[in-house]
Amino acid sequence: MYNLPNKGDLPYAGFASLFYEIREASLFNEVNRPILKNIMEGNWLLDYLLCHLKKRETLQAITLFIEDVFNNMKLIARLMIPHYFCKFLNLFKEQINIYV
């Protein structure tokens, strides 16, 4: 489980909790949500997600893609990372819904 300061453990591992958290932050335009602050303050969540994806051989292709996206995200200004992370996560969820 991933623990967010000022929030606690996310209820689900992996992307499932993030979809919910990002949706809530977007719906209510809350930039001070713990998930967004965590992303802005460091790469812990990005690294956590990649670490878990790398353990699954069947997801190797998508893991390489996500790793490339996250590595590029780490190069931009910290204040902008939550914005691009949310965009990526929403697009990722849309693609999952198409193919699942």
Foldseek 3Di string as FASTA:
>chain_A
DDAFPPPGDQPDPACPSVVVQLVVCVVVVPCPRSVNVVQLVDCVVLVRNLVVQVVDPVNVVVSVVSVVVSVVLVPDHSNCSSVVVSVVSVVVVVVVVVVD
